Amino acid sequence: MSGNDYDDGWQPVTRLGTKVQEGEIDTMEDALNSGLPLKEPEIVDQLLPGLDDEVLDINMVQRMTDSGRRVKFRCVVSVGNRDGFVGYAEGRDDQVGAAIQKAIGIAKLNMIQVPRGSGSWEDRSDRPHSLTHRTTGKAGSVEVEVVPAPEGLGLAASDTVRAVLELAGIENAWTKSHGNTRTTVNLAKATFNALENASQSRQPRSREVVER
């Protein structure tokens, strides 16, 4: 893949972006394993074109300022290629549409690669359709556990957990959720954190989830 393939007007401002545009790095896996910070969403656009995104929650947030009451919208979004890569973020803005777009951009910067396989002893499939091992994640009072399941089970999960797992390309898994699971933002964040913890075995470094 050459730099000419990326002739879309994007001018990279980071070392990683330059390597991607010049074709020195041409896969998302190599980008994440490069050790260079992912700070441009355009990198993800180039390496993972056609990403799916899903708005998991929209909340109106009010706070008092010196000039009066100010209203903003907080949107919780997950993005993924349904084939091992997924990201998550929250975005805030005065307008719903702008908050969603902001969250999508930040979610791309939080992209991780999820180790997929057939981690259940009951399964003989060699197709990567589940996790390779059990994992847990936490956010606030919510804890989510994701357990590999054999092919054909599907996703035994709530709608929010299911959405994040599907975007990551996880088709079969058992899940357990504890805490105040009615709080969508923490449930989604805990699910992403579980996948992030699972990815640590193949990621050379951990990255904090970006929030704005």
C-alpha atoms as a PDB file:
ATOM      1  CA  MET A   1       0.000   0.000   0.000  1.00  0.00           C
ATOM      2  CA  SER A   2       1.526   3.316  -1.024  1.00  0.00           C
ATOM      3  CA  GLY A   3       1.044   6.891   0.023  1.00  0.00           C
ATOM      4  CA  ASN A   4      -0.890   7.521  -3.197  1.00  0.00           C
ATOM      5  CA  ASP A   5      -3.685   5.278  -1.925  1.00  0.00           C
ATOM      6  CA  TYR A   6      -4.352   7.865   0.779  1.00  0.00           C
ATOM      7  CA  ASP A   7      -4.637  10.926  -1.411  1.00  0.00           C
ATOM      8  CA  ASP A   8      -7.684  12.336   0.342  1.00  0.00           C
ATOM      9  CA  GLY A   9      -6.345  15.678   1.534  1.00  0.00           C
ATOM     10  CA  TRP A  10      -5.306  14.387   4.955  1.00  0.00           C
ATOM     11  CA  GLN A  11      -2.055  15.915   6.160  1.00  0.00           C
ATOM     12  CA  PRO A  12      -0.725  13.834   9.062  1.00  0.00           C
ATOM     13  CA  VAL A  13       0.705  15.730  12.021  1.00  0.00           C
ATOM     14  CA  THR A  14       2.145  12.776  13.956  1.00  0.00           C
ATOM     15  CA  ARG A  15       4.915  10.297  13.268  1.00  0.00           C
ATOM     16  CA  LEU A  16       2.446   7.413  13.197  1.00  0.00           C
ATOM     17  CA  GLY A  17       0.232   9.261  10.744  1.00  0.00           C
ATOM     18  CA  THR A  18       3.178   9.886   8.442  1.00  0.00           C
ATOM     19  CA  LYS A  19       4.170   6.217   8.532  1.00  0.00           C
ATOM     20  CA  VAL A  20       0.610   5.229   7.661  1.00  0.00           C
ATOM     21  CA  GLN A  21       0.288   7.715   4.833  1.00  0.00           C
ATOM     22  CA  GLU A  22       3.618   6.658   3.362  1.00  0.00           C
ATOM     23  CA  GLY A  23       2.632   2.981   3.538  1.00  0.00           C
ATOM     24  CA  GLU A  24       5.323   2.044   6.040  1.00  0.00           C
ATOM     25  CA  ILE A  25       2.529   0.886   8.361  1.00  0.00           C
ATOM     26  CA  ASP A  26      -0.426  -0.614   6.507  1.00  0.00           C
ATOM     27  CA  THR A  27      -2.444  -2.537   9.098  1.00  0.00           C
ATOM     28  CA  MET A  28      -4.217  -1.473  12.282  1.00  0.00           C
ATOM     29  CA  GLU A  29      -2.449  -4.234  14.181  1.00  0.00           C
ATOM     30  CA  ASP A  30       0.949  -2.851  13.179  1.00  0.00           C
ATOM     31  CA  ALA A  31      -0.167   0.666  14.108  1.00  0.00           C
ATOM     32  CA  LEU A  32      -1.245  -0.424  17.599  1.00  0.00           C
ATOM     33  CA  ASN A  33       1.943  -2.463  18.075  1.00  0.00           C
ATOM     34  CA  SER A  34       4.211   0.333  16.851  1.00  0.00           C
ATOM     35  CA  GLY A  35       4.476   1.908  20.292  1.00  0.00           C
ATOM     36  CA  LEU A  36       3.557   5.275  18.744  1.00  0.00           C
ATOM     37  CA  PRO A  37       0.544   7.149  20.172  1.00  0.00           C
ATOM     38  CA  LEU A  38      -2.672   7.060  18.148  1.00  0.00           C
ATOM     39  CA  LYS A  39      -3.721  10.712  18.027  1.00  0.00           C
ATOM     40  CA  GLU A  40      -5.345  11.096  14.595  1.00  0.00           C
ATOM     41  CA  PRO A  41      -8.705   9.465  13.799  1.00  0.00           C
ATOM     42  CA  GLU A  42      -7.770   9.626  10.120  1.00  0.00           C
ATOM     43  CA  ILE A  43      -5.256   6.844  10.798  1.00  0.00           C
ATOM     44  CA  VAL A  44      -8.123   4.534  11.707  1.00  0.00           C
ATOM     45  CA  ASP A  45     -10.138   5.721   8.707  1.00  0.00           C
ATOM     46  CA  GLN A  46      -7.272   4.696   6.421  1.00  0.00           C
ATOM     47  CA  LEU A  47      -6.467   1.363   8.037  1.00  0.00           C
ATOM     48  CA  LEU A  48     -10.025   0.288   8.924  1.00  0.00           C
ATOM     49  CA  PRO A  49     -12.311   1.790   6.254  1.00  0.00           C
ATOM     50  CA  GLY A  50     -16.035   1.299   6.643  1.00  0.00           C
ATOM     51  CA  LEU A  51     -16.135   1.088  10.431  1.00  0.00           C
ATOM     52  CA  ASP A  52     -19.534   0.586  12.028  1.00  0.00           C
ATOM     53  CA  ASP A  53     -20.588   2.792  14.920  1.00  0.00           C
ATOM     54  CA  GLU A  54     -23.394   2.559  17.434  1.00  0.00           C
ATOM     55  CA  VAL A  55     -24.761   5.203  19.788  1.00  0.00           C
ATOM     56  CA  LEU A  56     -25.291   3.423  23.102  1.00  0.00           C
ATOM     57  CA  ASP A  57     -26.651   6.307  25.167  1.00  0.00           C
ATOM     58  CA  ILE A  58     -27.530  10.014  24.925  1.00  0.00           C
ATOM     59  CA  ASN A  59     -27.930  12.104  28.052  1.00  0.00           C
ATOM     60  CA  MET A  60     -28.615  15.764  28.648  1.00  0.00           C
ATOM     61  CA  VAL A  61     -26.182  17.225  31.179  1.00  0.00           C
ATOM     62  CA  GLN A  62     -26.898  20.519  32.906  1.00  0.00           C
ATOM     63  CA  ARG A  63     -24.534  22.620  34.963  1.00  0.00           C
ATOM     64  CA  MET A  64     -24.665  26.102  36.418  1.00  0.00           C
ATOM     65  CA  THR A  65     -22.149  28.697  35.262  1.00  0.00           C
ATOM     66  CA  ASP A  66     -21.732  32.396  36.017  1.00  0.00           C
ATOM     67  CA  SER A  67     -23.839  33.154  32.953  1.00  0.00           C
ATOM     68  CA  GLY A  68     -26.623  30.778  33.961  1.00  0.00           C
ATOM     69  CA  ARG A  69     -27.626  27.193  33.297  1.00  0.00           C
ATOM     70  CA  ARG A  70     -25.712  25.480  30.527  1.00  0.00           C
ATOM     71  CA  VAL A  71     -26.998  22.379  28.773  1.00  0.00           C
ATOM     72  CA  LYS A  72     -24.815  19.857  26.974  1.00  0.00           C
ATOM     73  CA  PHE A  73     -25.432  16.421  25.526  1.00  0.00           C
ATOM     74  CA  ARG A  74     -23.283  13.447  26.465  1.00  0.00           C
ATOM     75  CA  CYS A  75     -23.191  10.637  23.906  1.00  0.00           C
ATOM     76  CA  VAL A  76     -21.732   7.190  24.502  1.00  0.00           C
ATOM     77  CA  VAL A  77     -20.493   5.550  21.317  1.00  0.00           C
ATOM     78  CA  SER A  78     -18.693   2.372  20.303  1.00  0.00           C
ATOM     79  CA  VAL A  79     -17.060   1.781  16.911  1.00  0.00           C
ATOM     80  CA  GLY A  80     -15.700  -1.407  15.397  1.00  0.00           C
ATOM     81  CA  ASN A  81     -15.063  -3.406  12.235  1.00  0.00           C
ATOM     82  CA  ARG A  82     -16.794  -6.555  13.605  1.00  0.00           C
ATOM     83  CA  ASP A  83     -13.531  -8.365  12.989  1.00  0.00           C
ATOM     84  CA  GLY A  84     -11.349  -7.898  16.062  1.00  0.00           C
ATOM     85  CA  PHE A  85     -11.062  -4.120  16.407  1.00  0.00           C
ATOM     86  CA  VAL A  86     -13.242  -1.962  18.648  1.00  0.00           C
ATOM     87  CA  GLY A  87     -13.171   1.462  20.280  1.00  0.00           C
ATOM     88  CA  TYR A  88     -15.284   3.301  22.855  1.00  0.00           C
ATOM     89  CA  ALA A  89     -15.727   6.901  23.962  1.00  0.00           C
ATOM     90  CA  GLU A  90     -17.998   9.570  25.351  1.00  0.00           C
ATOM     91  CA  GLY A  91     -18.456  12.914  23.649  1.00  0.00           C
ATOM     92  CA  ARG A  92     -20.035  16.147  24.883  1.00  0.00           C
ATOM     93  CA  ASP A  93     -21.345  19.093  22.906  1.00  0.00           C
ATOM     94  CA  ASP A  94     -24.157  21.641  22.790  1.00  0.00           C
ATOM     95  CA  GLN A  95     -25.748  19.753  19.887  1.00  0.00           C
ATOM     96  CA  VAL A  96     -26.579  16.030  19.789  1.00  0.00           C
ATOM     97  CA  GLY A  97     -25.154  15.484  16.311  1.00  0.00           C
ATOM     98  CA  ALA A  98     -21.894  17.212  17.178  1.00  0.00           C
ATOM     99  CA  ALA A  99     -21.610  15.208  20.407  1.00  0.00           C
ATOM    100  CA  ILE A 100     -22.044  11.953  18.466  1.00  0.00           C
ATOM    101  CA  GLN A 101     -19.423  12.906  15.891  1.00  0.00           C
ATOM    102  CA  LYS A 102     -17.025  13.977  18.633  1.00  0.00           C
ATOM    103  CA  ALA A 103     -17.522  10.664  20.444  1.00  0.00           C
ATOM    104  CA  ILE A 104     -16.943   8.682  17.235  1.00  0.00           C
ATOM    105  CA  GLY A 105     -13.680  10.537  16.617  1.00  0.00           C
ATOM    106  CA  ILE A 106     -12.461   9.907  20.164  1.00  0.00           C
ATOM    107  CA  ALA A 107     -13.552   6.253  20.025  1.00  0.00           C
ATOM    108  CA  LYS A 108     -11.259   5.774  17.034  1.00  0.00           C
ATOM    109  CA  LEU A 109      -8.357   7.019  19.148  1.00  0.00           C
ATOM    110  CA  ASN A 110      -9.228   4.398  21.775  1.00  0.00           C
ATOM    111  CA  MET A 111      -9.110   1.539  19.249  1.00  0.00           C
ATOM    112  CA  ILE A 112      -7.901  -1.827  20.562  1.00  0.00           C
ATOM    113  CA  GLN A 113      -7.414  -5.255  19.038  1.00  0.00           C
ATOM    114  CA  VAL A 114      -9.355  -8.012  20.775  1.00  0.00           C
ATOM    115  CA  PRO A 115      -7.773 -11.494  20.811  1.00  0.00           C
ATOM    116  CA  ARG A 116     -10.370 -13.786  19.268  1.00  0.00           C
ATOM    117  CA  GLY A 117     -10.427 -17.528  18.914  1.00  0.00           C
ATOM    118  CA  SER A 118     -12.297 -20.503  20.256  1.00  0.00           C
ATOM    119  CA  GLY A 119     -11.632 -20.380  23.981  1.00  0.00           C
ATOM    120  CA  SER A 120     -14.278 -22.855  25.120  1.00  0.00           C
ATOM    121  CA  TRP A 121     -13.355 -26.456  25.901  1.00  0.00           C
ATOM    122  CA  GLU A 122     -16.739 -27.439  24.443  1.00  0.00           C
ATOM    123  CA  ASP A 123     -15.828 -26.064  21.038  1.00  0.00           C
ATOM    124  CA  ARG A 124     -13.859 -27.639  18.214  1.00  0.00           C
ATOM    125  CA  SER A 125     -14.151 -24.709  15.819  1.00  0.00           C
ATOM    126  CA  ASP A 126     -10.956 -23.174  14.448  1.00  0.00           C
ATOM    127  CA  ARG A 127     -12.783 -20.002  13.387  1.00  0.00           C
ATOM    128  CA  PRO A 128     -12.203 -16.890  15.551  1.00  0.00           C
ATOM    129  CA  HIS A 129     -15.723 -16.298  16.859  1.00  0.00           C
ATOM    130  CA  SER A 130     -15.246 -15.823  20.626  1.00  0.00           C
ATOM    131  CA  LEU A 131     -12.609 -14.692  23.112  1.00  0.00           C
ATOM    132  CA  THR A 132      -9.518 -16.768  23.781  1.00  0.00           C
ATOM    133  CA  HIS A 133      -9.982 -16.557  27.539  1.00  0.00           C
ATOM    134  CA  ARG A 134     -12.249 -15.228  30.291  1.00  0.00           C
ATOM    135  CA  THR A 135     -11.955 -11.533  31.064  1.00  0.00           C
ATOM    136  CA  THR A 136     -13.540  -8.953  33.362  1.00  0.00           C
ATOM    137  CA  GLY A 137     -13.857  -5.179  33.317  1.00  0.00           C
ATOM    138  CA  LYS A 138     -15.033  -2.490  35.724  1.00  0.00           C
ATOM    139  CA  ALA A 139     -16.447   1.016  35.539  1.00  0.00           C
ATOM    140  CA  GLY A 140     -17.882   2.688  38.597  1.00  0.00           C
ATOM    141  CA  SER A 141     -19.967   0.135  40.473  1.00  0.00           C
ATOM    142  CA  VAL A 142     -20.451  -2.039  37.381  1.00  0.00           C
ATOM    143  CA  GLU A 143     -18.424  -5.155  36.691  1.00  0.00           C
ATOM    144  CA  VAL A 144     -18.787  -7.188  33.495  1.00  0.00           C
ATOM    145  CA  GLU A 145     -17.411 -10.677  32.987  1.00  0.00           C
ATOM    146  CA  VAL A 146     -17.125 -12.168  29.490  1.00  0.00           C
ATOM    147  CA  VAL A 147     -16.583 -15.916  29.136  1.00  0.00           C
ATOM    148  CA  PRO A 148     -15.736 -17.747  25.872  1.00  0.00           C
ATOM    149  CA  ALA A 149     -18.598 -19.873  24.543  1.00  0.00           C
ATOM    150  CA  PRO A 150     -18.878 -22.550  21.852  1.00  0.00           C
ATOM    151  CA  GLU A 151     -20.003 -21.679  18.345  1.00  0.00           C
ATOM    152  CA  GLY A 152     -23.763 -21.592  18.004  1.00  0.00           C
ATOM    153  CA  LEU A 153     -24.546 -20.248  21.476  1.00  0.00           C
ATOM    154  CA  GLY A 154     -24.694 -16.616  20.406  1.00  0.00           C
ATOM    155  CA  LEU A 155     -24.291 -13.745  22.841  1.00  0.00           C
ATOM    156  CA  ALA A 156     -25.893 -14.242  26.231  1.00  0.00           C
ATOM    157  CA  ALA A 157     -25.759 -10.548  27.084  1.00  0.00           C
ATOM    158  CA  SER A 158     -27.813  -7.399  27.622  1.00  0.00           C
ATOM    159  CA  ASP A 159     -28.341  -5.059  24.658  1.00  0.00           C
ATOM    160  CA  THR A 160     -25.514  -2.687  25.655  1.00  0.00           C
ATOM    161  CA  VAL A 161     -22.975  -5.439  26.283  1.00  0.00           C
ATOM    162  CA  ARG A 162     -24.074  -7.222  23.119  1.00  0.00           C
ATOM    163  CA  ALA A 163     -23.582  -4.100  20.991  1.00  0.00           C
ATOM    164  CA  VAL A 164     -19.967  -3.625  22.107  1.00  0.00           C
ATOM    165  CA  LEU A 165     -19.126  -7.324  21.700  1.00  0.00           C
ATOM    166  CA  GLU A 166     -20.683  -7.481  18.232  1.00  0.00           C
ATOM    167  CA  LEU A 167     -18.676  -4.472  17.057  1.00  0.00           C
ATOM    168  CA  ALA A 168     -15.539  -6.294  18.265  1.00  0.00           C
ATOM    169  CA  GLY A 169     -16.457  -9.397  16.271  1.00  0.00           C
ATOM    170  CA  ILE A 170     -17.369 -11.537  19.273  1.00  0.00           C
ATOM    171  CA  GLU A 171     -20.245 -13.783  18.147  1.00  0.00           C
ATOM    172  CA  ASN A 172     -20.460 -16.284  21.008  1.00  0.00           C
ATOM    173  CA  ALA A 173     -19.974 -15.576  24.718  1.00  0.00           C
ATOM    174  CA  TRP A 174     -21.524 -15.864  28.144  1.00  0.00           C
ATOM    175  CA  THR A 175     -21.605 -12.640  30.147  1.00  0.00           C
ATOM    176  CA  LYS A 176     -22.338 -11.665  33.735  1.00  0.00           C
ATOM    177  CA  SER A 177     -22.953  -8.128  34.961  1.00  0.00           C
ATOM    178  CA  HIS A 178     -22.928  -6.872  38.550  1.00  0.00           C
ATOM    179  CA  GLY A 179     -23.636  -3.479  40.114  1.00  0.00           C
ATOM    180  CA  ASN A 180     -25.887  -0.701  38.855  1.00  0.00           C
ATOM    181  CA  THR A 181     -26.254  -2.136  35.354  1.00  0.00           C
ATOM    182  CA  ARG A 182     -29.065   0.293  34.512  1.00  0.00           C
ATOM    183  CA  THR A 183     -26.355   2.948  34.092  1.00  0.00           C
ATOM    184  CA  THR A 184     -25.656   2.457  30.392  1.00  0.00           C
ATOM    185  CA  VAL A 185     -22.442   4.477  30.343  1.00  0.00           C
ATOM    186  CA  ASN A 186     -20.790   2.371  33.053  1.00  0.00           C
ATOM    187  CA  LEU A 187     -22.093  -0.875  31.560  1.00  0.00           C
ATOM    188  CA  ALA A 188     -20.658   0.009  28.155  1.00  0.00           C
ATOM    189  CA  LYS A 189     -17.386   1.236  29.644  1.00  0.00           C
ATOM    190  CA  ALA A 190     -17.011  -1.905  31.778  1.00  0.00           C
ATOM    191  CA  THR A 191     -17.586  -4.099  28.720  1.00  0.00           C
ATOM    192  CA  PHE A 192     -14.944  -2.206  26.758  1.00  0.00           C
ATOM    193  CA  ASN A 193     -12.608  -2.418  29.753  1.00  0.00           C
ATOM    194  CA  ALA A 194     -13.068  -6.205  29.794  1.00  0.00           C
ATOM    195  CA  LEU A 195     -12.071  -6.385  26.125  1.00  0.00           C
ATOM    196  CA  GLU A 196      -9.191  -4.003  26.803  1.00  0.00           C
ATOM    197  CA  ASN A 197      -7.951  -6.269  29.604  1.00  0.00           C
ATOM    198  CA  ALA A 198      -8.179  -9.246  27.248  1.00  0.00           C
ATOM    199  CA  SER A 199      -6.119  -7.343  24.692  1.00  0.00           C
ATOM    200  CA  GLN A 200      -3.253  -6.647  27.085  1.00  0.00           C
ATOM    201  CA  SER A 201      -1.674  -9.986  26.291  1.00  0.00           C
ATOM    202  CA  ARG A 202      -1.133  -8.878  22.702  1.00  0.00           C
ATOM    203  CA  GLN A 203      -0.673  -5.141  23.191  1.00  0.00           C
ATOM    204  CA  PRO A 204       2.837  -3.946  24.127  1.00  0.00           C
ATOM    205  CA  ARG A 205       1.465  -1.140  26.247  1.00  0.00           C
ATOM    206  CA  SER A 206      -1.735  -0.075  27.956  1.00  0.00           C
ATOM    207  CA  ARG A 207      -3.548   3.086  26.945  1.00  0.00           C
ATOM    208  CA  GLU A 208      -5.993   5.046  29.000  1.00  0.00           C
ATOM    209  CA  VAL A 209      -9.378   5.630  27.439  1.00  0.00           C
ATOM    210  CA  VAL A 210      -9.468   9.145  26.027  1.00  0.00           C
ATOM    211  CA  GLU A 211     -12.352  11.274  27.200  1.00  0.00           C
ATOM    212  CA  ARG A 212     -13.388  14.805  26.303  1.00  0.00           C
END
